[in-house]
Amino acid sequence: MANEDVNKEIEQLKKDLSGLQNDIRNLTGTLKSAGIEQGKATYERARQQGEQWRQKGEDAIGSVGQAIDEKPVTSVLTAFGTGFVIGLLLNQKRQ
């Protein structure tokens, strides 16, 4: 009788372990899916942010180009003056 009880308990433990293995498989599958979805969402947000920054950069370049086209002499004098001032500042630091 004691052997039968032990055998029944062993069989029950085997069933419980099998159930635990299935639960762990399901849990890891769910975690994997959640991680993949989170990664895709993060990638998409980063892609959209990069696209916005690229567009803003292109707009800024376009507006600078337009300003140069509209006032070329002023643009050249501004660039020259800025370069001159930066040169003076850098030269003072060397001395």
N, C-alpha and C. Protein backbone atom coordinates (compact mmCIF):
# COMPACT_ATOMS: atom_id res chain seq x y z
N MET A 1 0.82 -1.18 0.00
CA MET A 1 0.00 0.00 0.00
C MET A 1 0.87 1.26 0.00
N ALA A 2 1.95 1.23 0.73
CA ALA A 2 2.83 2.39 0.79
C ALA A 2 3.47 2.63 -0.57
N ASN A 3 3.80 1.56 -1.28
CA ASN A 3 4.40 1.70 -2.61
C ASN A 3 3.41 2.34 -3.59
N GLU A 4 2.14 1.97 -3.47
CA GLU A 4 1.11 2.54 -4.35
C GLU A 4 0.98 4.04 -4.10
N ASP A 5 1.00 4.44 -2.84
CA ASP A 5 0.89 5.86 -2.50
C ASP A 5 2.10 6.63 -3.05
N VAL A 6 3.28 6.04 -2.90
CA VAL A 6 4.50 6.69 -3.40
C VAL A 6 4.44 6.81 -4.91
N ASN A 7 4.00 5.75 -5.58
CA ASN A 7 3.89 5.78 -7.04
C ASN A 7 2.88 6.82 -7.51
N LYS A 8 1.75 6.91 -6.78
CA LYS A 8 0.75 7.92 -7.13
C LYS A 8 1.32 9.33 -6.95
N GLU A 9 2.06 9.52 -5.88
CA GLU A 9 2.65 10.83 -5.64
C GLU A 9 3.69 11.17 -6.70
N ILE A 10 4.46 10.19 -7.10
CA ILE A 10 5.47 10.40 -8.15
C ILE A 10 4.77 10.77 -9.46
N GLU A 11 3.72 10.06 -9.80
CA GLU A 11 2.96 10.36 -11.02
C GLU A 11 2.37 11.77 -10.96
N GLN A 12 1.85 12.13 -9.78
CA GLN A 12 1.29 13.47 -9.62
C GLN A 12 2.38 14.54 -9.77
N LEU A 13 3.57 14.27 -9.21
CA LEU A 13 4.69 15.20 -9.35
C LEU A 13 5.11 15.35 -10.82
N LYS A 14 5.10 14.23 -11.55
CA LYS A 14 5.44 14.28 -12.98
C LYS A 14 4.44 15.16 -13.73
N LYS A 15 3.15 15.00 -13.40
CA LYS A 15 2.12 15.81 -14.05
C LYS A 15 2.29 17.28 -13.69
N ASP A 16 2.58 17.54 -12.41
CA ASP A 16 2.77 18.92 -11.97
C ASP A 16 3.98 19.56 -12.66
N LEU A 17 5.08 18.81 -12.77
CA LEU A 17 6.27 19.32 -13.45
C LEU A 17 6.00 19.58 -14.93
N SER A 18 5.26 18.69 -15.54
CA SER A 18 4.89 18.89 -16.94
C SER A 18 4.05 20.16 -17.11
N GLY A 19 3.13 20.37 -16.19
CA GLY A 19 2.31 21.58 -16.23
C GLY A 19 3.16 22.83 -16.03
N LEU A 20 4.12 22.74 -15.11
CA LEU A 20 5.02 23.87 -14.88
C LEU A 20 5.87 24.18 -16.11
N GLN A 21 6.33 23.12 -16.78
CA GLN A 21 7.11 23.33 -18.01
C GLN A 21 6.27 24.05 -19.06
N ASN A 22 5.03 23.65 -19.21
CA ASN A 22 4.15 24.31 -20.18
C ASN A 22 3.90 25.76 -19.78
N ASP A 23 3.70 25.99 -18.48
CA ASP A 23 3.48 27.37 -18.02
C ASP A 23 4.70 28.24 -18.30
N ILE A 24 5.89 27.69 -18.06
CA ILE A 24 7.12 28.44 -18.31
C ILE A 24 7.29 28.72 -19.80
N ARG A 25 6.99 27.73 -20.64
CA ARG A 25 7.05 27.94 -22.10
C ARG A 25 6.10 29.06 -22.52
N ASN A 26 4.89 29.02 -22.01
CA ASN A 26 3.92 30.05 -22.36
C ASN A 26 4.36 31.43 -21.87
N LEU A 27 4.89 31.47 -20.66
CA LEU A 27 5.35 32.73 -20.09
C LEU A 27 6.51 33.31 -20.90
N THR A 28 7.48 32.49 -21.24
CA THR A 28 8.62 32.99 -22.02
C THR A 28 8.16 33.43 -23.42
N GLY A 29 7.22 32.72 -23.99
CA GLY A 29 6.68 33.15 -25.28
C GLY A 29 5.99 34.49 -25.19
N THR A 30 5.23 34.68 -24.13
CA THR A 30 4.54 35.95 -23.92
C THR A 30 5.53 37.07 -23.70
N LEU A 31 6.54 36.83 -22.88
CA LEU A 31 7.57 37.85 -22.62
C LEU A 31 8.33 38.20 -23.90
N LYS A 32 8.62 37.18 -24.69
CA LYS A 32 9.32 37.41 -25.95
C LYS A 32 8.47 38.28 -26.87
N SER A 33 7.21 37.95 -26.99
CA SER A 33 6.31 38.74 -27.84
C SER A 33 6.20 40.18 -27.35
N ALA A 34 6.09 40.35 -26.04
CA ALA A 34 5.99 41.69 -25.47
C ALA A 34 7.28 42.47 -25.74
N GLY A 35 8.41 41.82 -25.62
CA GLY A 35 9.69 42.48 -25.88
C GLY A 35 9.82 42.88 -27.33
N ILE A 36 9.40 42.02 -28.23
CA ILE A 36 9.45 42.34 -29.66
C ILE A 36 8.55 43.53 -29.97
N GLU A 37 7.35 43.51 -29.43
CA GLU A 37 6.42 44.62 -29.68
C GLU A 37 6.96 45.93 -29.11
N GLN A 38 7.54 45.87 -27.91
CA GLN A 38 8.12 47.07 -27.30
C GLN A 38 9.27 47.58 -28.15
N GLY A 39 10.10 46.67 -28.65
CA GLY A 39 11.21 47.06 -29.51
C GLY A 39 10.72 47.71 -30.80
N LYS A 40 9.68 47.17 -31.39
CA LYS A 40 9.13 47.75 -32.62
C LYS A 40 8.57 49.15 -32.35
N ALA A 41 7.88 49.30 -31.23
CA ALA A 41 7.30 50.61 -30.89
C ALA A 41 8.40 51.64 -30.65
N THR A 42 9.45 51.24 -29.94
CA THR A 42 10.57 52.14 -29.68
C THR A 42 11.26 52.53 -30.97
N TYR A 43 11.47 51.55 -31.84
CA TYR A 43 12.10 51.82 -33.14
C TYR A 43 11.25 52.82 -33.93
N GLU A 44 9.95 52.64 -33.95
CA GLU A 44 9.07 53.51 -34.72
C GLU A 44 9.09 54.94 -34.17
N ARG A 45 9.09 55.08 -32.83
CA ARG A 45 9.17 56.41 -32.23
C ARG A 45 10.50 57.08 -32.60
N ALA A 46 11.59 56.33 -32.54
CA ALA A 46 12.90 56.89 -32.87
C ALA A 46 12.96 57.27 -34.35
N ARG A 47 12.38 56.46 -35.22
CA ARG A 47 12.36 56.76 -36.64
C ARG A 47 11.58 58.04 -36.91
N GLN A 48 10.42 58.18 -36.26
CA GLN A 48 9.61 59.38 -36.44
C GLN A 48 10.34 60.62 -35.93
N GLN A 49 11.00 60.51 -34.78
CA GLN A 49 11.75 61.64 -34.23
C GLN A 49 12.90 62.01 -35.17
N GLY A 50 13.59 61.03 -35.69
CA GLY A 50 14.66 61.28 -36.65
C GLY A 50 14.15 61.98 -37.90
N GLU A 51 13.01 61.55 -38.37
CA GLU A 51 12.40 62.18 -39.54
C GLU A 51 12.04 63.64 -39.26
N GLN A 52 11.51 63.91 -38.07
CA GLN A 52 11.19 65.30 -37.70
C GLN A 52 12.45 66.16 -37.67
N TRP A 53 13.52 65.63 -37.07
CA TRP A 53 14.77 66.38 -36.99
C TRP A 53 15.35 66.62 -38.38
N ARG A 54 15.27 65.60 -39.23
CA ARG A 54 15.77 65.75 -40.60
C ARG A 54 14.99 66.85 -41.32
N GLN A 55 13.68 66.84 -41.16
CA GLN A 55 12.85 67.84 -41.81
C GLN A 55 13.17 69.24 -41.30
N LYS A 56 13.36 69.38 -39.97
CA LYS A 56 13.71 70.68 -39.41
C LYS A 56 15.06 71.15 -39.93
N GLY A 57 16.01 70.24 -40.06
CA GLY A 57 17.33 70.58 -40.61
C GLY A 57 17.23 71.05 -42.05
N GLU A 58 16.45 70.33 -42.84
CA GLU A 58 16.25 70.72 -44.24
C GLU A 58 15.57 72.09 -44.33
N ASP A 59 14.59 72.33 -43.46
CA ASP A 59 13.92 73.63 -43.45
C ASP A 59 14.89 74.74 -43.09
N ALA A 60 15.75 74.49 -42.09
CA ALA A 60 16.73 75.51 -41.68
C ALA A 60 17.71 75.79 -42.81
N ILE A 61 18.18 74.75 -43.46
CA ILE A 61 19.10 74.94 -44.58
C ILE A 61 18.42 75.71 -45.70
N GLY A 62 17.17 75.38 -45.96
CA GLY A 62 16.42 76.09 -46.99
C GLY A 62 16.24 77.56 -46.66
N SER A 63 15.96 77.87 -45.39
CA SER A 63 15.76 79.27 -45.02
C SER A 63 17.06 80.05 -45.08
N VAL A 64 18.18 79.41 -44.72
CA VAL A 64 19.48 80.07 -44.83
C VAL A 64 19.79 80.32 -46.30
N GLY A 65 19.57 79.32 -47.11
CA GLY A 65 19.81 79.48 -48.56
C GLY A 65 18.95 80.58 -49.15
N GLN A 66 17.70 80.66 -48.71
CA GLN A 66 16.80 81.71 -49.19
C GLN A 66 17.29 83.09 -48.74
N ALA A 67 17.74 83.20 -47.51
CA ALA A 67 18.26 84.48 -47.01
C ALA A 67 19.49 84.91 -47.79
N ILE A 68 20.35 83.96 -48.12
CA ILE A 68 21.55 84.27 -48.91
C ILE A 68 21.15 84.73 -50.30
N ASP A 69 20.17 84.05 -50.90
CA ASP A 69 19.71 84.45 -52.23
C ASP A 69 19.08 85.84 -52.22
N GLU A 70 18.35 86.16 -51.17
CA GLU A 70 17.67 87.45 -51.09
C GLU A 70 18.63 88.59 -50.79
N LYS A 71 19.64 88.35 -49.97
CA LYS A 71 20.57 89.41 -49.57
C LYS A 71 22.00 88.88 -49.61
N PRO A 72 22.56 88.69 -50.80
CA PRO A 72 23.89 88.07 -50.88
C PRO A 72 24.99 88.94 -50.26
N VAL A 73 24.93 90.23 -50.45
CA VAL A 73 25.99 91.09 -49.91
C VAL A 73 25.96 91.08 -48.38
N THR A 74 24.76 91.20 -47.83
CA THR A 74 24.62 91.15 -46.37
C THR A 74 25.11 89.82 -45.83
N SER A 75 24.81 88.73 -46.53
CA SER A 75 25.23 87.40 -46.09
C SER A 75 26.74 87.27 -46.09
N VAL A 76 27.38 87.78 -47.16
CA VAL A 76 28.85 87.70 -47.24
C VAL A 76 29.48 88.55 -46.13
N LEU A 77 28.96 89.75 -45.92
CA LEU A 77 29.51 90.61 -44.87
C LEU A 77 29.30 90.01 -43.48
N THR A 78 28.15 89.40 -43.27
CA THR A 78 27.89 88.74 -41.97
C THR A 78 28.86 87.59 -41.75
N ALA A 79 29.05 86.77 -42.78
CA ALA A 79 29.98 85.64 -42.66
C ALA A 79 31.40 86.15 -42.41
N PHE A 80 31.80 87.18 -43.13
CA PHE A 80 33.13 87.75 -42.95
C PHE A 80 33.29 88.29 -41.53
N GLY A 81 32.31 89.07 -41.07
CA GLY A 81 32.38 89.66 -39.73
C GLY A 81 32.42 88.59 -38.65
N THR A 82 31.61 87.57 -38.79
CA THR A 82 31.61 86.47 -37.82
C THR A 82 32.96 85.77 -37.79
N GLY A 83 33.50 85.48 -38.95
CA GLY A 83 34.81 84.84 -39.03
C GLY A 83 35.91 85.71 -38.43
N PHE A 84 35.82 87.00 -38.69
CA PHE A 84 36.81 87.93 -38.15
C PHE A 84 36.79 87.95 -36.63
N VAL A 85 35.60 88.05 -36.06
CA VAL A 85 35.45 88.07 -34.59
C VAL A 85 35.94 86.75 -33.98
N ILE A 86 35.57 85.63 -34.56
CA ILE A 86 36.03 84.33 -34.05
C ILE A 86 37.55 84.26 -34.14
N GLY A 87 38.13 84.76 -35.25
CA GLY A 87 39.59 84.79 -35.39
C GLY A 87 40.25 85.61 -34.31
N LEU A 88 39.69 86.77 -34.02
CA LEU A 88 40.25 87.61 -32.95
C LEU A 88 40.18 86.90 -31.60
N LEU A 89 39.04 86.28 -31.32
CA LEU A 89 38.89 85.58 -30.03
C LEU A 89 39.89 84.43 -29.91
N LEU A 90 40.05 83.67 -30.97
CA LEU A 90 41.00 82.56 -30.93
C LEU A 90 42.43 83.05 -30.83
N ASN A 91 42.73 84.14 -31.48
CA ASN A 91 44.08 84.69 -31.43
C ASN A 91 44.41 85.19 -30.03
N GLN A 92 43.44 85.78 -29.33
CA GLN A 92 43.66 86.26 -27.97
C GLN A 92 43.94 85.11 -27.02
N LYS A 93 43.30 83.98 -27.25
CA LYS A 93 43.50 82.83 -26.36
C LYS A 93 44.91 82.27 -26.52
N ARG A 94 45.49 82.40 -27.67
CA ARG A 94 46.84 81.87 -27.91
C ARG A 94 47.90 82.72 -27.21
N GLN A 95 47.62 83.99 -27.06
CA GLN A 95 48.64 84.89 -26.48
C GLN A 95 48.63 84.90 -24.98
